[in-house]
Amino acid sequence: MMRVVALGLMLGLSLPLAADWPGWRGPRGDGYSPHPAPIRWDAKTNITWKVAVPGSGHSSPIVVGEQVLLTSYLPTSNDRLLLCYDRTSGTELWRAVVLTAPAEKLHKNNTPASSTAVSDGQRVWTSFAAGDQIVVSCHTLEGKAVWQKKFAGWESRHGFCGSPTLHQGLIIVNGDSDGEAFLAGLDALSGEQRWRVPRPNKIRSFSVPLAVTVQGKTRLVLAGSQCVVAFDPRTGKELWKVDTATQKFVATVAQTDGVILVSGTSPEPTLLALDVNGKTLWSDPRGASYVPSPLGLGKYFLVVADNGLANVIEARSGKRLASKRLGRAHNASPIQAGEHVYCLDVEGTTWVFKADGSLELVAKNSLGEACHATPAVSQGQLFVRSVGHLWCIGPRQKIDR
């Protein structure tokens, strides 16, 4: 642990605390938190606070210490906002206008504020589209602008949703699009471009890379633009590549038991299992998800398809072990908190299961308001973004840090 802290100090970066939820799909980027979360609630019960959120967006909240942050889009002014709330009371602490530009062309299930922010505990980074540009910005946790980097040549009739990720002092930007597609690594403190590599297939995709460690070395695995690639986060160098029948990806890959699972449906549905070196282990067109990301559960994967059909699949063999219908539709990705799994459907109902692969239902909790964003977990609380509100569910617990 001391070695990790020392590395962060050498880079001039703070490190998010273990109890935080600092970016897309949490501290590891895979939807997992070791800390438990509430089991039962409804719109009036076990709610610590509920606040109206200005504008619209499908981005997830992140939790950094005493702050909850998320992005939003104001249609009346075309402002892209970064919003900050007090985690104890829900009071809005500040808002920053990151940029102002007309909304891009969008898929019916997308918004101009669908990418999730990421933080190191001192700064917060966001990404939006503006015209033909991807705009990556850095702010302090007091809302002060630090730097902004623009990438021209972006093109997508379905809009933008490339959440930035933070890795060893670099902000990783997925610029998959129908235009000048690329991957890039930016210096987190200055915004200076450290590397940039082209994505030759030039097909819009919206996935987020996942860090996978192999023999002590970290590689980032990304599904998108009709392929799955592993690349060196320090240089962008491609380490391996697997071509796929699926062209456009939204879901982040999942990993468990030495297996990487890729899920996509556009235009060809596929579940593709790879080992950490890119070797195909199995594939199956049934039950794939497009928007919700799979979740690794020990020796299993949980895949919740957009139509609400959930499947538990043995990671190494592809054998289906359990199935259950969870409402009519899902956009949010399933997450694990402690010994339970949480699956939030578009109608605002969260299905809670034991995290043992059985799909044994423990609770079914409704907020009565549509939800499209993946929840966040921190110190015993769930933070849920619905179409009009941000909710803090459950009492705060003391977590050893």
Protein backbone atom coordinates (compact mmCIF):
# COMPACT_ATOMS: atom_id res chain seq x y z
CA MET A 1 0.00 0.00 0.00
CA MET A 2 2.87 2.38 0.84
CA ARG A 3 4.36 1.73 -2.60
CA VAL A 4 1.08 2.74 -4.27
CA VAL A 5 0.83 5.91 -2.20
CA ALA A 6 4.43 6.79 -3.00
CA LEU A 7 3.74 6.38 -6.72
CA GLY A 8 0.74 8.69 -6.49
CA LEU A 9 2.81 11.33 -4.71
CA MET A 10 5.61 11.07 -7.30
CA LEU A 11 3.08 11.71 -10.06
CA GLY A 12 1.59 14.66 -8.21
CA LEU A 13 -1.71 12.80 -8.02
CA SER A 14 -3.92 12.14 -5.06
CA LEU A 15 -5.44 8.69 -4.73
CA PRO A 16 -9.17 8.01 -4.23
CA LEU A 17 -9.92 6.35 -0.94
CA ALA A 18 -11.01 2.72 -0.84
CA ALA A 19 -14.54 3.66 0.20
CA ASP A 20 -14.99 6.09 -2.71
CA TRP A 21 -16.62 5.39 -6.08
CA PRO A 22 -14.34 7.60 -8.20
CA GLY A 23 -15.36 6.81 -11.78
CA TRP A 24 -17.29 4.64 -14.21
CA ARG A 25 -18.15 1.34 -12.50
CA GLY A 26 -16.28 2.14 -9.31
CA PRO A 27 -12.73 1.94 -7.96
CA ARG A 28 -11.67 -0.99 -10.17
CA GLY A 29 -13.81 -0.10 -13.17
CA ASP A 30 -15.61 -3.45 -12.98
CA GLY A 31 -18.72 -2.67 -10.92
CA TYR A 32 -17.42 -4.18 -7.66
CA SER A 33 -17.28 -2.78 -4.13
CA PRO A 34 -16.36 -4.92 -1.12
CA HIS A 35 -18.59 -2.78 1.09
CA PRO A 36 -22.28 -3.66 1.61
CA ALA A 37 -25.15 -1.44 0.55
CA PRO A 38 -28.81 -1.17 1.62
CA ILE A 39 -31.03 -4.13 0.79
CA ARG A 40 -34.52 -2.61 0.97
CA TRP A 41 -36.01 0.81 0.19
CA ASP A 42 -38.74 2.58 -1.73
CA ALA A 43 -39.36 6.19 -2.76
CA LYS A 44 -40.12 7.19 0.86
CA THR A 45 -38.37 4.58 2.98
CA ASN A 46 -34.64 4.39 3.73
CA ILE A 47 -33.99 7.54 1.66
CA THR A 48 -31.36 9.80 3.25
CA TRP A 49 -31.96 12.58 0.73
CA LYS A 50 -33.37 13.26 -2.72
CA VAL A 51 -32.54 16.36 -4.78
CA ALA A 52 -33.68 17.61 -8.17
CA VAL A 53 -30.97 17.55 -10.85
CA PRO A 54 -31.04 20.33 -13.45
CA GLY A 55 -31.16 19.30 -17.09
CA SER A 56 -30.76 15.75 -18.36
CA GLY A 57 -28.11 13.08 -18.57
CA HIS A 58 -27.43 9.37 -18.29
CA SER A 59 -24.01 9.69 -16.67
CA SER A 60 -23.48 7.96 -13.35
CA PRO A 61 -22.73 9.77 -10.10
CA ILE A 62 -19.25 9.44 -8.63
CA VAL A 63 -18.42 9.74 -4.92
CA VAL A 64 -15.22 11.38 -3.74
CA GLY A 65 -14.89 11.89 0.01
CA GLU A 66 -17.66 14.29 1.03
CA GLN A 67 -18.73 15.10 -2.52
CA VAL A 68 -21.01 13.51 -5.09
CA LEU A 69 -20.42 14.65 -8.68
CA LEU A 70 -22.21 14.10 -11.97
CA THR A 71 -22.61 15.71 -15.37
CA SER A 72 -25.74 17.15 -16.95
CA TYR A 73 -26.99 18.98 -20.04
CA LEU A 74 -29.21 22.08 -19.93
CA PRO A 75 -31.31 22.22 -23.14
CA THR A 76 -32.36 25.84 -22.54
CA SER A 77 -28.76 27.10 -22.71
CA ASN A 78 -26.89 24.15 -24.30
CA ASP A 79 -24.57 24.12 -21.28
CA ARG A 80 -22.72 20.95 -20.32
CA LEU A 81 -22.53 21.02 -16.53
CA LEU A 82 -20.38 19.45 -13.86
CA LEU A 83 -22.44 19.37 -10.65
CA CYS A 84 -21.19 18.84 -7.12
CA TYR A 85 -23.35 17.88 -4.12
CA ASP A 86 -22.65 17.45 -0.43
CA ARG A 87 -22.89 13.72 0.28
CA THR A 88 -24.31 14.23 3.76
CA SER A 89 -27.18 16.60 2.95
CA GLY A 90 -27.57 16.57 -0.85
CA THR A 91 -27.02 20.33 -0.97
CA GLU A 92 -25.61 21.56 -4.27
CA LEU A 93 -22.14 22.92 -3.47
CA TRP A 94 -21.24 24.27 -6.91
CA ARG A 95 -21.78 23.87 -10.60
CA ALA A 96 -19.34 24.51 -13.43
CA VAL A 97 -20.24 25.17 -17.05
CA VAL A 98 -17.71 22.95 -18.82
CA LEU A 99 -18.71 24.04 -22.33
CA THR A 100 -21.64 25.43 -24.30
CA ALA A 101 -22.59 23.92 -27.66
CA PRO A 102 -25.75 22.67 -29.41
CA ALA A 103 -26.67 19.07 -28.67
CA GLU A 104 -25.11 16.58 -31.05
CA LYS A 105 -27.14 14.06 -33.07
CA LEU A 106 -28.33 11.42 -30.64
CA HIS A 107 -29.66 7.91 -30.39
CA LYS A 108 -33.06 7.91 -28.67
CA ASN A 109 -31.46 6.35 -25.59
CA ASN A 110 -28.52 8.76 -25.41
CA THR A 111 -28.05 12.28 -24.03
CA PRO A 112 -25.39 15.00 -24.41
CA ALA A 113 -24.26 14.14 -20.86
CA SER A 114 -23.93 10.36 -20.83
CA SER A 115 -20.22 9.98 -20.07
CA THR A 116 -19.30 9.59 -16.40
CA ALA A 117 -16.67 11.77 -14.72
CA VAL A 118 -13.55 10.39 -12.99
CA SER A 119 -11.58 11.76 -10.03
CA ASP A 120 -8.29 11.19 -8.22
CA GLY A 121 -9.51 12.80 -4.99
CA GLN A 122 -8.25 16.30 -5.86
CA ARG A 123 -9.33 16.83 -9.46
CA VAL A 124 -12.18 15.65 -11.66
CA TRP A 125 -12.12 14.98 -15.40
CA THR A 126 -15.06 15.02 -17.83
CA SER A 127 -15.63 14.41 -21.53
CA PHE A 128 -18.33 15.75 -23.85
CA ALA A 129 -18.93 16.22 -27.56
CA ALA A 130 -19.19 19.69 -29.12
CA GLY A 131 -19.75 19.87 -32.86
CA ASP A 132 -17.11 17.66 -34.46
CA GLN A 133 -14.93 17.65 -31.36
CA ILE A 134 -14.43 15.53 -28.27
CA VAL A 135 -13.67 17.86 -25.37
CA VAL A 136 -11.85 16.56 -22.29
CA SER A 137 -11.69 18.91 -19.29
CA CYS A 138 -10.09 18.99 -15.85
CA HIS A 139 -11.48 20.84 -12.81
CA THR A 140 -10.52 21.03 -9.18
CA LEU A 141 -12.94 19.65 -6.60
CA GLU A 142 -13.85 23.29 -5.88
CA GLY A 143 -15.09 23.68 -9.47
CA LYS A 144 -12.17 25.67 -10.87
CA ALA A 145 -11.18 24.93 -14.49
CA VAL A 146 -7.61 23.63 -14.84
CA TRP A 147 -7.23 22.61 -18.50
CA GLN A 148 -9.20 21.57 -21.57
CA LYS A 149 -8.15 19.44 -24.54
CA LYS A 150 -10.08 19.20 -27.83
CA PHE A 151 -9.92 16.43 -30.45
CA ALA A 152 -11.30 17.32 -33.89
CA GLY A 153 -12.76 14.92 -36.47
CA TRP A 154 -15.30 13.18 -34.24
CA GLU A 155 -18.44 11.92 -36.01
CA SER A 156 -21.36 9.85 -34.72
CA ARG A 157 -25.07 10.00 -35.46
CA HIS A 158 -25.74 8.25 -32.15
CA GLY A 159 -24.02 10.88 -30.00
CA PHE A 160 -21.14 10.51 -27.54
CA CYS A 161 -20.56 8.44 -24.40
CA GLY A 162 -16.82 7.87 -23.97
CA SER A 163 -16.22 8.13 -20.21
CA PRO A 164 -12.61 9.11 -19.40
CA THR A 165 -10.54 6.74 -17.28
CA LEU A 166 -7.58 7.48 -15.03
CA HIS A 167 -4.58 5.17 -15.08
CA GLN A 168 -1.10 5.81 -13.65
CA GLY A 169 -1.18 9.56 -14.18
CA LEU A 170 -2.85 9.41 -17.59
CA ILE A 171 -6.39 10.20 -18.69
CA ILE A 172 -7.33 7.59 -21.30
CA VAL A 173 -9.69 8.87 -23.99
CA ASN A 174 -11.69 6.52 -26.22
CA GLY A 175 -12.29 8.44 -29.45
CA ASP A 176 -14.04 5.66 -31.39
CA SER A 177 -16.24 7.28 -34.05
CA ASP A 178 -17.17 7.19 -37.72
CA GLY A 179 -14.66 10.01 -38.28
CA GLU A 180 -11.07 10.39 -37.10
CA ALA A 181 -11.18 7.55 -34.58
CA PHE A 182 -8.40 7.26 -32.01
CA LEU A 183 -7.25 6.29 -28.54
CA ALA A 184 -5.22 8.80 -26.58
CA GLY A 185 -3.41 9.20 -23.29
CA LEU A 186 -3.26 12.68 -21.73
CA ASP A 187 -1.14 13.81 -18.82
CA ALA A 188 -3.71 14.07 -16.02
CA LEU A 189 -2.18 17.18 -14.47
CA SER A 190 -1.42 19.25 -17.57
CA GLY A 191 -3.63 17.83 -20.33
CA GLU A 192 -0.56 17.36 -22.54
CA GLN A 193 -0.96 14.53 -25.04
CA ARG A 194 1.44 11.70 -24.20
CA TRP A 195 0.35 9.37 -26.97
CA ARG A 196 -2.32 8.92 -29.61
CA VAL A 197 -2.99 5.93 -31.86
CA PRO A 198 -5.53 5.62 -34.72
CA ARG A 199 -8.48 3.24 -34.71
CA PRO A 200 -8.51 2.20 -38.39
CA ASN A 201 -12.00 0.62 -38.53
CA LYS A 202 -13.58 4.03 -37.76
CA ILE A 203 -16.85 2.72 -36.31
CA ARG A 204 -18.62 4.57 -33.51
CA SER A 205 -18.50 2.79 -30.17
CA PHE A 206 -18.95 3.93 -26.60
CA SER A 207 -17.20 1.40 -24.38
CA VAL A 208 -14.71 2.13 -21.60
CA PRO A 209 -11.40 0.22 -21.30
CA LEU A 210 -10.87 -2.12 -18.33
CA ALA A 211 -7.50 -2.59 -16.61
CA VAL A 212 -6.36 -6.23 -16.65
CA THR A 213 -3.15 -7.36 -14.93
CA VAL A 214 -1.11 -10.15 -16.56
CA GLN A 215 2.11 -11.34 -14.88
CA GLY A 216 2.39 -8.12 -12.93
CA LYS A 217 1.88 -5.88 -15.95
CA THR A 218 -1.30 -3.90 -16.60
CA ARG A 219 -2.95 -3.72 -19.97
CA LEU A 220 -6.20 -1.99 -20.90
CA VAL A 221 -8.79 -4.04 -22.77
CA LEU A 222 -11.30 -2.22 -24.95
CA ALA A 223 -14.22 -3.49 -27.04
CA GLY A 224 -15.18 -1.23 -29.92
CA SER A 225 -14.97 -0.54 -33.64
CA GLN A 226 -15.51 -4.18 -34.67
CA CYS A 227 -12.73 -5.59 -32.50
CA VAL A 228 -11.38 -6.17 -29.02
CA VAL A 229 -7.88 -4.85 -28.30
CA ALA A 230 -5.44 -4.91 -25.42
CA PHE A 231 -3.04 -2.00 -25.29
CA ASP A 232 -0.21 -0.71 -23.14
CA PRO A 233 -1.62 2.28 -21.19
CA ARG A 234 1.84 3.93 -21.08
CA THR A 235 2.25 4.12 -24.86
CA GLY A 236 -0.98 3.04 -26.57
CA LYS A 237 0.88 0.15 -28.21
CA GLU A 238 -1.47 -2.62 -29.33
CA LEU A 239 -0.64 -5.91 -27.58
CA TRP A 240 -3.27 -8.10 -29.19
CA LYS A 241 -6.41 -7.73 -31.26
CA VAL A 242 -9.45 -9.94 -31.91
CA ASP A 243 -11.83 -9.04 -34.74
CA THR A 244 -15.55 -9.41 -34.03
CA ALA A 245 -18.80 -9.68 -36.01
CA THR A 246 -20.23 -7.05 -33.67
CA GLN A 247 -19.35 -3.59 -34.95
CA LYS A 248 -20.53 -1.12 -32.31
CA PHE A 249 -19.96 -1.68 -28.60
CA VAL A 250 -21.34 0.15 -25.57
CA ALA A 251 -20.76 -2.33 -22.73
CA THR A 252 -17.42 -2.40 -20.93
CA VAL A 253 -15.75 -5.83 -20.92
CA ALA A 254 -15.79 -7.86 -17.70
CA GLN A 255 -13.13 -10.11 -16.21
CA THR A 256 -13.18 -12.96 -13.72
CA ASP A 257 -11.39 -16.29 -13.22
CA GLY A 258 -8.83 -15.40 -15.89
CA VAL A 259 -11.54 -14.82 -18.51
CA ILE A 260 -12.48 -11.60 -20.31
CA LEU A 261 -16.11 -11.40 -21.46
CA VAL A 262 -17.13 -9.16 -24.35
CA SER A 263 -20.81 -8.40 -25.03
CA GLY A 264 -22.41 -6.61 -27.96
CA THR A 265 -25.43 -6.78 -30.28
CA SER A 266 -24.92 -4.29 -33.13
CA PRO A 267 -25.46 -5.58 -35.73
CA GLU A 268 -24.58 -9.16 -34.73
CA PRO A 269 -25.21 -10.31 -31.13
CA THR A 270 -22.30 -12.02 -29.45
CA LEU A 271 -20.91 -13.05 -26.11
CA LEU A 272 -17.20 -13.65 -26.63
CA ALA A 273 -14.94 -15.12 -23.94
CA LEU A 274 -11.18 -14.57 -24.23
CA ASP A 275 -8.25 -15.44 -22.05
CA VAL A 276 -5.99 -12.61 -20.91
CA ASN A 277 -3.80 -13.07 -24.00
CA GLY A 278 -6.68 -12.74 -26.46
CA LYS A 279 -7.28 -16.44 -27.18
CA THR A 280 -10.94 -17.30 -27.81
CA LEU A 281 -12.35 -19.69 -25.20
CA TRP A 282 -15.97 -19.73 -26.32
CA SER A 283 -18.63 -17.62 -27.99
CA ASP A 284 -22.43 -17.57 -27.92
CA PRO A 285 -24.94 -15.28 -29.68
CA ARG A 286 -27.61 -15.80 -27.02
CA GLY A 287 -28.38 -13.37 -24.24
CA ALA A 288 -25.87 -10.67 -25.13
CA SER A 289 -26.28 -7.13 -23.81
CA TYR A 290 -25.70 -3.93 -25.77
CA VAL A 291 -25.78 -1.15 -23.15
CA PRO A 292 -25.47 -2.90 -19.74
CA SER A 293 -21.95 -4.14 -19.00
CA PRO A 294 -21.47 -7.72 -17.74
CA LEU A 295 -20.40 -8.32 -14.14
CA GLY A 296 -17.77 -10.82 -12.98
CA LEU A 297 -18.82 -12.95 -9.99
CA GLY A 298 -16.05 -15.30 -8.93
CA LYS A 299 -16.23 -18.18 -11.40
CA TYR A 300 -19.30 -16.73 -13.13
CA PHE A 301 -20.46 -13.81 -15.22
CA LEU A 302 -23.80 -12.08 -14.85
CA VAL A 303 -25.14 -10.68 -18.12
CA VAL A 304 -28.30 -8.58 -18.02
CA ALA A 305 -29.56 -8.02 -21.56
CA ASP A 306 -31.26 -4.78 -22.57
CA ASN A 307 -34.60 -6.60 -22.64
CA GLY A 308 -34.26 -7.56 -18.96
CA LEU A 309 -33.25 -11.20 -19.36
CA ALA A 310 -30.48 -12.04 -16.87
CA ASN A 311 -28.15 -15.01 -17.31
CA VAL A 312 -25.48 -16.42 -15.02
CA ILE A 313 -22.77 -18.05 -17.12
CA GLU A 314 -19.81 -20.17 -16.04
CA ALA A 315 -16.79 -18.10 -17.03
CA ARG A 316 -14.47 -20.76 -18.43
CA SER A 317 -17.02 -22.98 -20.15
CA GLY A 318 -19.87 -20.69 -21.20
CA LYS A 319 -22.39 -23.00 -19.52
CA ARG A 320 -25.59 -21.23 -18.48
CA LEU A 321 -26.40 -21.85 -14.85
CA ALA A 322 -29.39 -19.60 -14.10
CA SER A 323 -31.78 -17.27 -15.91
CA LYS A 324 -34.40 -14.80 -14.75
CA ARG A 325 -36.51 -12.03 -16.29
CA LEU A 326 -35.90 -8.68 -14.55
CA GLY A 327 -38.57 -6.29 -15.75
CA ARG A 328 -38.94 -5.06 -19.32
CA ALA A 329 -35.69 -3.18 -20.03
CA HIS A 330 -32.29 -2.22 -18.60
CA ASN A 331 -29.76 0.50 -19.45
CA ALA A 332 -27.84 0.53 -16.15
CA SER A 333 -25.10 -2.04 -15.57
CA PRO A 334 -25.32 -4.50 -12.67
CA ILE A 335 -23.00 -3.88 -9.71
CA GLN A 336 -21.87 -5.89 -6.70
CA ALA A 337 -21.75 -4.41 -3.20
CA GLY A 338 -20.55 -6.79 -0.52
CA GLU A 339 -22.46 -10.05 -0.82
CA HIS A 340 -25.25 -8.73 -3.04
CA VAL A 341 -25.80 -7.80 -6.68
CA TYR A 342 -27.92 -4.82 -7.72
CA CYS A 343 -29.67 -4.62 -11.11
CA LEU A 344 -31.52 -1.35 -11.81
CA ASP A 345 -34.13 -1.37 -14.58
CA VAL A 346 -35.40 1.56 -16.65
CA GLU A 347 -38.55 1.91 -14.55
CA GLY A 348 -36.53 2.60 -11.42
CA THR A 349 -36.80 -0.85 -9.83
CA THR A 350 -33.67 -2.40 -8.36
CA TRP A 351 -33.50 -6.18 -8.24
CA VAL A 352 -31.24 -7.37 -5.40
CA PHE A 353 -29.72 -10.86 -5.50
CA LYS A 354 -27.20 -12.85 -3.55
CA ALA A 355 -23.81 -12.65 -5.26
CA ASP A 356 -23.47 -16.43 -5.49
CA GLY A 357 -24.64 -16.97 -9.08
CA SER A 358 -28.03 -18.36 -8.04
CA LEU A 359 -30.16 -15.31 -9.00
CA GLU A 360 -31.98 -15.85 -5.70
CA LEU A 361 -34.05 -12.69 -5.29
CA VAL A 362 -33.52 -10.96 -1.95
CA ALA A 363 -35.47 -7.73 -2.54
CA LYS A 364 -37.18 -5.70 -5.24
CA ASN A 365 -37.17 -1.95 -4.63
CA SER A 366 -38.92 0.73 -6.66
CA LEU A 367 -38.24 4.47 -6.76
CA GLY A 368 -41.14 5.10 -9.12
CA GLU A 369 -39.04 7.16 -11.53
CA ALA A 370 -37.25 6.12 -14.70
CA CYS A 371 -33.53 5.35 -14.38
CA HIS A 372 -30.86 4.92 -17.05
CA ALA A 373 -27.61 5.49 -15.12
CA THR A 374 -25.57 2.89 -13.24
CA PRO A 375 -25.66 3.45 -9.44
CA ALA A 376 -22.66 4.22 -7.24
CA VAL A 377 -21.81 2.64 -3.87
CA SER A 378 -19.93 4.28 -1.01
CA GLN A 379 -19.76 3.67 2.74
CA GLY A 380 -22.96 1.68 2.94
CA GLN A 381 -24.98 4.01 0.74
CA LEU A 382 -26.32 3.77 -2.81
CA PHE A 383 -26.38 6.85 -5.03
CA VAL A 384 -28.92 6.59 -7.84
CA ARG A 385 -29.56 9.03 -10.66
CA SER A 386 -33.11 8.98 -12.02
CA VAL A 387 -34.39 11.13 -14.88
CA GLY A 388 -35.13 14.04 -12.55
CA HIS A 389 -33.32 13.42 -9.26
CA LEU A 390 -30.26 12.23 -7.43
CA TRP A 391 -31.01 9.87 -4.55
CA CYS A 392 -28.94 8.87 -1.54
CA ILE A 393 -30.25 5.56 -0.20
CA GLY A 394 -29.47 4.19 3.25
CA PRO A 395 -27.63 5.49 6.32
CA ARG A 396 -23.92 6.18 6.11
CA GLN A 397 -21.65 3.56 7.66
CA LYS A 398 -18.15 3.93 9.01
CA ILE A 399 -15.72 2.14 6.72
CA ASP A 400 -12.11 1.41 7.62
CA ARG A 401 -9.92 3.18 5.06
